Amino acid sequence: MIAIIDYDMGNLGSIKNMIKKVGGDSIITNNREIIDEADGIILPGVGSFDAGVENLKKYELFDYIKDSAIHKKKPILGICLGMQLMTLSSAEGKTEGLGLVDGLAKKFSGDENLKIPYMGWNFVEKQKNSVLFDTFEETPKFYFVHSYYVQCVNRGDVAATSNYSMKFDSAFEKGNILGVQFHPEKSHRYGMTLMKGFLKFVDTYV
């Protein structure tokens, strides 16, 4: 069972539907007892960094998620804002992130030729052996919607990169802690393959 964290920051139903399509079970919840029983966690999110942190704290999930990932070693996948919240901080806000990965969320340098937020399909280039990307037989394309991107301090944490006027980290993987900047739930067959990889990782990790 996968717990999809509900903290009022995005459309969660599409993630649940994709998990169902690939044969997995999930529940949308902010109940810590239910999350405790889950085998893995997905932290989704669309919106601002500070609002995300504030809402996690409102539901008493901020420290709980840190403990689940760091001490209980529960597999966790951050998606879009969820990935950014797993870093130390963001140029967008003033609050500290979860600090699960040593990195920062930075804003694309906008100019007249660079549309922000970035919206569209992009290639995701694998940078190391990864439970999320090892099963792809070709370089996958995923759907992105974002103005900020994560820059990992430890380059060994970078699972994949993409390009939008510059190379940026589009996925990280640090043990049980995974993050993707794109939206698997909007990326059709590529998203389904990635989600299968995450579910398989959860099954073998617990």
C-alpha atoms as a PDB file:
ATOM      1  CA  MET A   1       0.000   0.000   0.000  1.00  0.00           C
ATOM      2  CA  ILE A   2       1.244   3.472  -0.955  1.00  0.00           C
ATOM      3  CA  ALA A   3       0.196   6.502   1.094  1.00  0.00           C
ATOM      4  CA  ILE A   4      -0.315   9.589  -1.094  1.00  0.00           C
ATOM      5  CA  ILE A   5       0.076  12.552   1.233  1.00  0.00           C
ATOM      6  CA  ASP A   6      -2.890  14.939   1.194  1.00  0.00           C
ATOM      7  CA  TYR A   7      -1.850  18.380   2.408  1.00  0.00           C
ATOM      8  CA  ASP A   8      -4.048  20.529   0.144  1.00  0.00           C
ATOM      9  CA  MET A   9      -1.335  21.094  -2.467  1.00  0.00           C
ATOM     10  CA  GLY A  10      -2.395  19.483  -5.725  1.00  0.00           C
ATOM     11  CA  ASN A  11      -4.509  17.003  -7.637  1.00  0.00           C
ATOM     12  CA  LEU A  12      -3.893  13.632  -6.048  1.00  0.00           C
ATOM     13  CA  GLY A  13      -6.512  11.561  -7.833  1.00  0.00           C
ATOM     14  CA  SER A  14      -4.464  11.243 -11.021  1.00  0.00           C
ATOM     15  CA  ILE A  15      -1.569   9.736  -9.049  1.00  0.00           C
ATOM     16  CA  LYS A  16      -3.901   7.252  -7.378  1.00  0.00           C
ATOM     17  CA  ASN A  17      -5.370   6.327 -10.778  1.00  0.00           C
ATOM     18  CA  MET A  18      -1.934   5.691 -12.278  1.00  0.00           C
ATOM     19  CA  ILE A  19      -0.922   3.465  -9.364  1.00  0.00           C
ATOM     20  CA  LYS A  20      -4.122   1.482  -9.905  1.00  0.00           C
ATOM     21  CA  LYS A  21      -3.377   1.162 -13.644  1.00  0.00           C
ATOM     22  CA  VAL A  22      -0.020  -0.460 -12.944  1.00  0.00           C
ATOM     23  CA  GLY A  23      -1.476  -2.882 -10.397  1.00  0.00           C
ATOM     24  CA  GLY A  24      -0.712  -1.071  -7.148  1.00  0.00           C
ATOM     25  CA  ASP A  25      -2.820  -0.078  -4.157  1.00  0.00           C
ATOM     26  CA  SER A  26      -2.823   3.407  -2.677  1.00  0.00           C
ATOM     27  CA  ILE A  27      -4.729   5.679  -0.359  1.00  0.00           C
ATOM     28  CA  ILE A  28      -4.931   9.474  -0.239  1.00  0.00           C
ATOM     29  CA  THR A  29      -4.507  10.496   3.382  1.00  0.00           C
ATOM     30  CA  ASN A  30      -2.995  12.810   5.963  1.00  0.00           C
ATOM     31  CA  ASN A  31      -3.649  10.391   8.819  1.00  0.00           C
ATOM     32  CA  ARG A  32      -0.348   9.410  10.409  1.00  0.00           C
ATOM     33  CA  GLU A  33      -1.633   6.054  11.653  1.00  0.00           C
ATOM     34  CA  ILE A  34      -2.616   5.093   8.106  1.00  0.00           C
ATOM     35  CA  ILE A  35       0.704   6.346   6.729  1.00  0.00           C
ATOM     36  CA  ASP A  36       2.483   4.237   9.350  1.00  0.00           C
ATOM     37  CA  GLU A  37       0.806   1.132   7.928  1.00  0.00           C
ATOM     38  CA  ALA A  38       1.781   1.987   4.344  1.00  0.00           C
ATOM     39  CA  ASP A  39       4.793   0.389   2.667  1.00  0.00           C
ATOM     40  CA  GLY A  40       5.790   3.585   0.871  1.00  0.00           C
ATOM     41  CA  ILE A  41       4.970   7.287   0.636  1.00  0.00           C
ATOM     42  CA  ILE A  42       4.364   9.653  -2.265  1.00  0.00           C
ATOM     43  CA  LEU A  43       4.681  13.364  -1.499  1.00  0.00           C
ATOM     44  CA  PRO A  44       3.095  15.205  -4.438  1.00  0.00           C
ATOM     45  CA  GLY A  45       2.477  18.910  -4.703  1.00  0.00           C
ATOM     46  CA  VAL A  46       1.774  21.918  -6.891  1.00  0.00           C
ATOM     47  CA  GLY A  47       2.202  25.444  -5.540  1.00  0.00           C
ATOM     48  CA  SER A  48       4.630  27.521  -3.523  1.00  0.00           C
ATOM     49  CA  PHE A  49       7.394  26.182  -1.294  1.00  0.00           C
ATOM     50  CA  ASP A  50       6.400  28.106   1.844  1.00  0.00           C
ATOM     51  CA  ALA A  51       2.735  27.123   1.491  1.00  0.00           C
ATOM     52  CA  GLY A  52       3.783  23.495   1.137  1.00  0.00           C
ATOM     53  CA  VAL A  53       5.865  23.601   4.318  1.00  0.00           C
ATOM     54  CA  GLU A  54       3.098  25.458   6.163  1.00  0.00           C
ATOM     55  CA  ASN A  55       0.471  22.911   5.160  1.00  0.00           C
ATOM     56  CA  LEU A  56       2.642  19.950   6.121  1.00  0.00           C
ATOM     57  CA  LYS A  57       3.097  21.533   9.531  1.00  0.00           C
ATOM     58  CA  LYS A  58      -0.625  22.306   9.779  1.00  0.00           C
ATOM     59  CA  TYR A  59      -1.380  18.604   9.458  1.00  0.00           C
ATOM     60  CA  GLU A  60       1.547  17.724  11.769  1.00  0.00           C
ATOM     61  CA  LEU A  61       3.247  15.906   8.911  1.00  0.00           C
ATOM     62  CA  PHE A  62       6.472  17.879   8.504  1.00  0.00           C
ATOM     63  CA  ASP A  63       8.525  16.240  11.262  1.00  0.00           C
ATOM     64  CA  TYR A  64       6.621  12.989  10.812  1.00  0.00           C
ATOM     65  CA  ILE A  65       7.693  12.640   7.166  1.00  0.00           C
ATOM     66  CA  LYS A  66      11.301  13.430   8.091  1.00  0.00           C
ATOM     67  CA  ASP A  67      11.228  10.718  10.741  1.00  0.00           C
ATOM     68  CA  SER A  68       9.563   8.223   8.392  1.00  0.00           C
ATOM     69  CA  ALA A  69      12.216   8.755   5.724  1.00  0.00           C
ATOM     70  CA  ILE A  70      15.336   9.154   7.863  1.00  0.00           C
ATOM     71  CA  HIS A  71      14.785   6.877  10.847  1.00  0.00           C
ATOM     72  CA  LYS A  72      12.127   4.410   9.699  1.00  0.00           C
ATOM     73  CA  LYS A  73      13.744   4.259   6.235  1.00  0.00           C
ATOM     74  CA  LYS A  74      10.360   4.157   4.530  1.00  0.00           C
ATOM     75  CA  PRO A  75      10.587   4.576   0.726  1.00  0.00           C
ATOM     76  CA  ILE A  76       9.359   8.023  -0.281  1.00  0.00           C
ATOM     77  CA  LEU A  77       8.893   9.612  -3.705  1.00  0.00           C
ATOM     78  CA  GLY A  78       8.545  13.383  -4.043  1.00  0.00           C
ATOM     79  CA  ILE A  79       6.836  14.711  -7.170  1.00  0.00           C
ATOM     80  CA  CYS A  80       7.240  18.291  -8.465  1.00  0.00           C
ATOM     81  CA  LEU A  81       6.829  20.558  -5.393  1.00  0.00           C
ATOM     82  CA  GLY A  82       7.152  17.421  -3.277  1.00  0.00           C
ATOM     83  CA  MET A  83      10.669  16.913  -4.643  1.00  0.00           C
ATOM     84  CA  GLN A  84      11.574  20.528  -3.879  1.00  0.00           C
ATOM     85  CA  LEU A  85      10.215  20.290  -0.331  1.00  0.00           C
ATOM     86  CA  MET A  86      12.632  17.423   0.317  1.00  0.00           C
ATOM     87  CA  THR A  87      15.604  19.801  -0.077  1.00  0.00           C
ATOM     88  CA  LEU A  88      17.083  22.265   2.419  1.00  0.00           C
ATOM     89  CA  SER A  89      15.368  25.419   1.152  1.00  0.00           C
ATOM     90  CA  SER A  90      14.066  27.298  -1.877  1.00  0.00           C
ATOM     91  CA  ALA A  91      14.880  30.624  -3.492  1.00  0.00           C
ATOM     92  CA  GLU A  92      11.118  31.073  -3.618  1.00  0.00           C
ATOM     93  CA  GLY A  93      10.539  31.090   0.125  1.00  0.00           C
ATOM     94  CA  LYS A  94      11.899  31.816   3.572  1.00  0.00           C
ATOM     95  CA  THR A  95      11.177  28.533   5.338  1.00  0.00           C
ATOM     96  CA  GLU A  96      13.406  25.486   5.666  1.00  0.00           C
ATOM     97  CA  GLY A  97      12.578  22.347   3.733  1.00  0.00           C
ATOM     98  CA  LEU A  98      12.522  18.773   4.962  1.00  0.00           C
ATOM     99  CA  GLY A  99      16.266  18.461   4.415  1.00  0.00           C
ATOM    100  CA  LEU A 100      16.105  14.854   3.219  1.00  0.00           C
ATOM    101  CA  VAL A 101      18.520  15.679   0.403  1.00  0.00           C
ATOM    102  CA  ASP A 102      21.372  18.174   0.455  1.00  0.00           C
ATOM    103  CA  GLY A 103      20.150  20.560  -2.212  1.00  0.00           C
ATOM    104  CA  LEU A 104      18.338  23.789  -3.000  1.00  0.00           C
ATOM    105  CA  ALA A 105      15.379  24.761  -5.156  1.00  0.00           C
ATOM    106  CA  LYS A 106      16.401  27.516  -7.570  1.00  0.00           C
ATOM    107  CA  LYS A 107      14.437  29.560 -10.108  1.00  0.00           C
ATOM    108  CA  PHE A 108      15.054  29.432 -13.827  1.00  0.00           C
ATOM    109  CA  SER A 109      16.631  32.642 -15.091  1.00  0.00           C
ATOM    110  CA  GLY A 110      13.831  34.013 -17.219  1.00  0.00           C
ATOM    111  CA  ASP A 111      14.360  36.079 -20.355  1.00  0.00           C
ATOM    112  CA  GLU A 112      12.184  36.955 -23.330  1.00  0.00           C
ATOM    113  CA  ASN A 113      13.051  33.654 -25.013  1.00  0.00           C
ATOM    114  CA  LEU A 114      12.543  31.478 -21.929  1.00  0.00           C
ATOM    115  CA  LYS A 115       8.972  30.942 -20.838  1.00  0.00           C
ATOM    116  CA  ILE A 116       8.439  30.575 -17.102  1.00  0.00           C
ATOM    117  CA  PRO A 117       6.833  28.464 -15.806  1.00  0.00           C
ATOM    118  CA  TYR A 118       8.262  25.797 -18.046  1.00  0.00           C
ATOM    119  CA  MET A 119       5.473  23.579 -19.367  1.00  0.00           C
ATOM    120  CA  GLY A 120       5.946  20.683 -21.738  1.00  0.00           C
ATOM    121  CA  TRP A 121       7.558  17.361 -22.530  1.00  0.00           C
ATOM    122  CA  ASN A 122      11.273  16.868 -22.079  1.00  0.00           C
ATOM    123  CA  PHE A 123      13.824  14.089 -22.204  1.00  0.00           C
ATOM    124  CA  VAL A 124      15.097  12.781 -18.879  1.00  0.00           C
ATOM    125  CA  GLU A 125      18.669  11.488 -19.094  1.00  0.00           C
ATOM    126  CA  LYS A 126      19.676   8.850 -16.551  1.00  0.00           C
ATOM    127  CA  GLN A 127      22.896   9.713 -14.675  1.00  0.00           C
ATOM    128  CA  LYS A 128      23.376   6.563 -12.585  1.00  0.00           C
ATOM    129  CA  ASN A 129      21.852   3.181 -11.872  1.00  0.00           C
ATOM    130  CA  SER A 130      18.392   3.983 -10.599  1.00  0.00           C
ATOM    131  CA  VAL A 131      15.328   2.041  -9.497  1.00  0.00           C
ATOM    132  CA  LEU A 132      13.220   4.621 -11.333  1.00  0.00           C
ATOM    133  CA  PHE A 133      14.988   4.569 -14.699  1.00  0.00           C
ATOM    134  CA  ASP A 134      16.837   1.258 -15.081  1.00  0.00           C
ATOM    135  CA  THR A 135      13.920  -0.470 -16.823  1.00  0.00           C
ATOM    136  CA  PHE A 136      13.662   2.055 -19.676  1.00  0.00           C
ATOM    137  CA  GLU A 137      14.978   0.754 -22.992  1.00  0.00           C
ATOM    138  CA  GLU A 138      15.077   4.276 -24.447  1.00  0.00           C
ATOM    139  CA  THR A 139      15.553   7.774 -23.085  1.00  0.00           C
ATOM    140  CA  PRO A 140      12.120   8.612 -21.641  1.00  0.00           C
ATOM    141  CA  LYS A 141      10.174  11.850 -21.998  1.00  0.00           C
ATOM    142  CA  PHE A 142       8.116  13.239 -19.152  1.00  0.00           C
ATOM    143  CA  TYR A 143       5.732  16.152 -18.688  1.00  0.00           C
ATOM    144  CA  PHE A 144       7.011  19.143 -16.696  1.00  0.00           C
ATOM    145  CA  VAL A 145       5.262  22.172 -15.176  1.00  0.00           C
ATOM    146  CA  HIS A 146       7.585  24.241 -12.980  1.00  0.00           C
ATOM    147  CA  SER A 147       9.407  27.524 -12.421  1.00  0.00           C
ATOM    148  CA  TYR A 148      11.924  26.162  -9.903  1.00  0.00           C
ATOM    149  CA  TYR A 149      14.329  23.257 -10.122  1.00  0.00           C
ATOM    150  CA  VAL A 150      16.404  21.322  -7.611  1.00  0.00           C
ATOM    151  CA  GLN A 151      20.187  21.574  -7.578  1.00  0.00           C
ATOM    152  CA  CYS A 152      21.729  18.725  -5.602  1.00  0.00           C
ATOM    153  CA  VAL A 153      24.934  19.527  -3.705  1.00  0.00           C
ATOM    154  CA  ASN A 154      26.087  15.911  -3.754  1.00  0.00           C
ATOM    155  CA  ARG A 155      26.224  15.032  -7.447  1.00  0.00           C
ATOM    156  CA  GLY A 156      26.079  11.368  -6.517  1.00  0.00           C
ATOM    157  CA  ASP A 157      22.435  11.894  -5.521  1.00  0.00           C
ATOM    158  CA  VAL A 158      21.466  12.941  -9.053  1.00  0.00           C
ATOM    159  CA  ALA A 159      19.519  10.174 -10.785  1.00  0.00           C
ATOM    160  CA  ALA A 160      18.640  12.094 -13.958  1.00  0.00           C
ATOM    161  CA  THR A 161      19.017  15.471 -15.653  1.00  0.00           C
ATOM    162  CA  SER A 162      17.103  17.436 -18.280  1.00  0.00           C
ATOM    163  CA  ASN A 163      17.690  20.592 -20.300  1.00  0.00           C
ATOM    164  CA  TYR A 164      15.737  23.828 -20.460  1.00  0.00           C
ATOM    165  CA  SER A 165      18.232  26.465 -21.615  1.00  0.00           C
ATOM    166  CA  MET A 166      20.539  24.788 -19.076  1.00  0.00           C
ATOM    167  CA  LYS A 167      21.047  21.349 -17.593  1.00  0.00           C
ATOM    168  CA  PHE A 168      19.115  20.816 -14.357  1.00  0.00           C
ATOM    169  CA  ASP A 169      18.574  17.920 -11.970  1.00  0.00           C
ATOM    170  CA  SER A 170      15.223  16.359 -12.850  1.00  0.00           C
ATOM    171  CA  ALA A 171      15.447  13.406 -10.435  1.00  0.00           C
ATOM    172  CA  PHE A 172      17.416  12.376  -7.367  1.00  0.00           C
ATOM    173  CA  GLU A 173      17.850   9.086  -5.578  1.00  0.00           C
ATOM    174  CA  LYS A 174      19.439   8.717  -2.154  1.00  0.00           C
ATOM    175  CA  GLY A 175      18.722   5.299  -0.695  1.00  0.00           C
ATOM    176  CA  ASN A 176      15.026   5.211   0.155  1.00  0.00           C
ATOM    177  CA  ILE A 177      14.598   8.899  -0.731  1.00  0.00           C
ATOM    178  CA  LEU A 178      13.546   9.599  -4.329  1.00  0.00           C
ATOM    179  CA  GLY A 179      12.386  12.739  -6.104  1.00  0.00           C
ATOM    180  CA  VAL A 180      11.260  13.715  -9.608  1.00  0.00           C
ATOM    181  CA  GLN A 181      10.589  17.224 -10.894  1.00  0.00           C
ATOM    182  CA  PHE A 182       8.229  16.041 -13.640  1.00  0.00           C
ATOM    183  CA  HIS A 183       4.746  14.571 -13.353  1.00  0.00           C
ATOM    184  CA  PRO A 184       4.698  10.778 -13.889  1.00  0.00           C
ATOM    185  CA  GLU A 185       0.910  10.806 -13.586  1.00  0.00           C
ATOM    186  CA  LYS A 186       0.702  13.049 -16.688  1.00  0.00           C
ATOM    187  CA  SER A 187       3.368  11.213 -18.677  1.00  0.00           C
ATOM    188  CA  HIS A 188       1.401   8.255 -20.043  1.00  0.00           C
ATOM    189  CA  ARG A 189       3.442   5.091 -20.736  1.00  0.00           C
ATOM    190  CA  TYR A 190       6.688   6.608 -19.483  1.00  0.00           C
ATOM    191  CA  GLY A 191       5.013   7.564 -16.236  1.00  0.00           C
ATOM    192  CA  MET A 192       3.541   4.093 -15.886  1.00  0.00           C
ATOM    193  CA  THR A 193       6.951   2.479 -16.351  1.00  0.00           C
ATOM    194  CA  LEU A 194       8.480   4.774 -13.734  1.00  0.00           C
ATOM    195  CA  MET A 195       5.651   4.124 -11.280  1.00  0.00           C
ATOM    196  CA  LYS A 196       6.090   0.372 -11.754  1.00  0.00           C
ATOM    197  CA  GLY A 197       9.751   0.862 -10.873  1.00  0.00           C
ATOM    198  CA  PHE A 198       8.845   2.713  -7.686  1.00  0.00           C
ATOM    199  CA  LEU A 199       6.308   0.080  -6.636  1.00  0.00           C
ATOM    200  CA  LYS A 200       8.815  -2.707  -7.272  1.00  0.00           C
ATOM    201  CA  PHE A 201      11.377  -0.798  -5.194  1.00  0.00           C
ATOM    202  CA  VAL A 202       8.889  -0.458  -2.336  1.00  0.00           C
ATOM    203  CA  ASP A 203       8.065  -4.178  -2.470  1.00  0.00           C
ATOM    204  CA  THR A 204      11.711  -5.203  -2.326  1.00  0.00           C
ATOM    205  CA  TYR A 205      12.736  -2.550   0.218  1.00  0.00           C
ATOM    206  CA  VAL A 206      10.279  -3.421   2.994  1.00  0.00           C
END
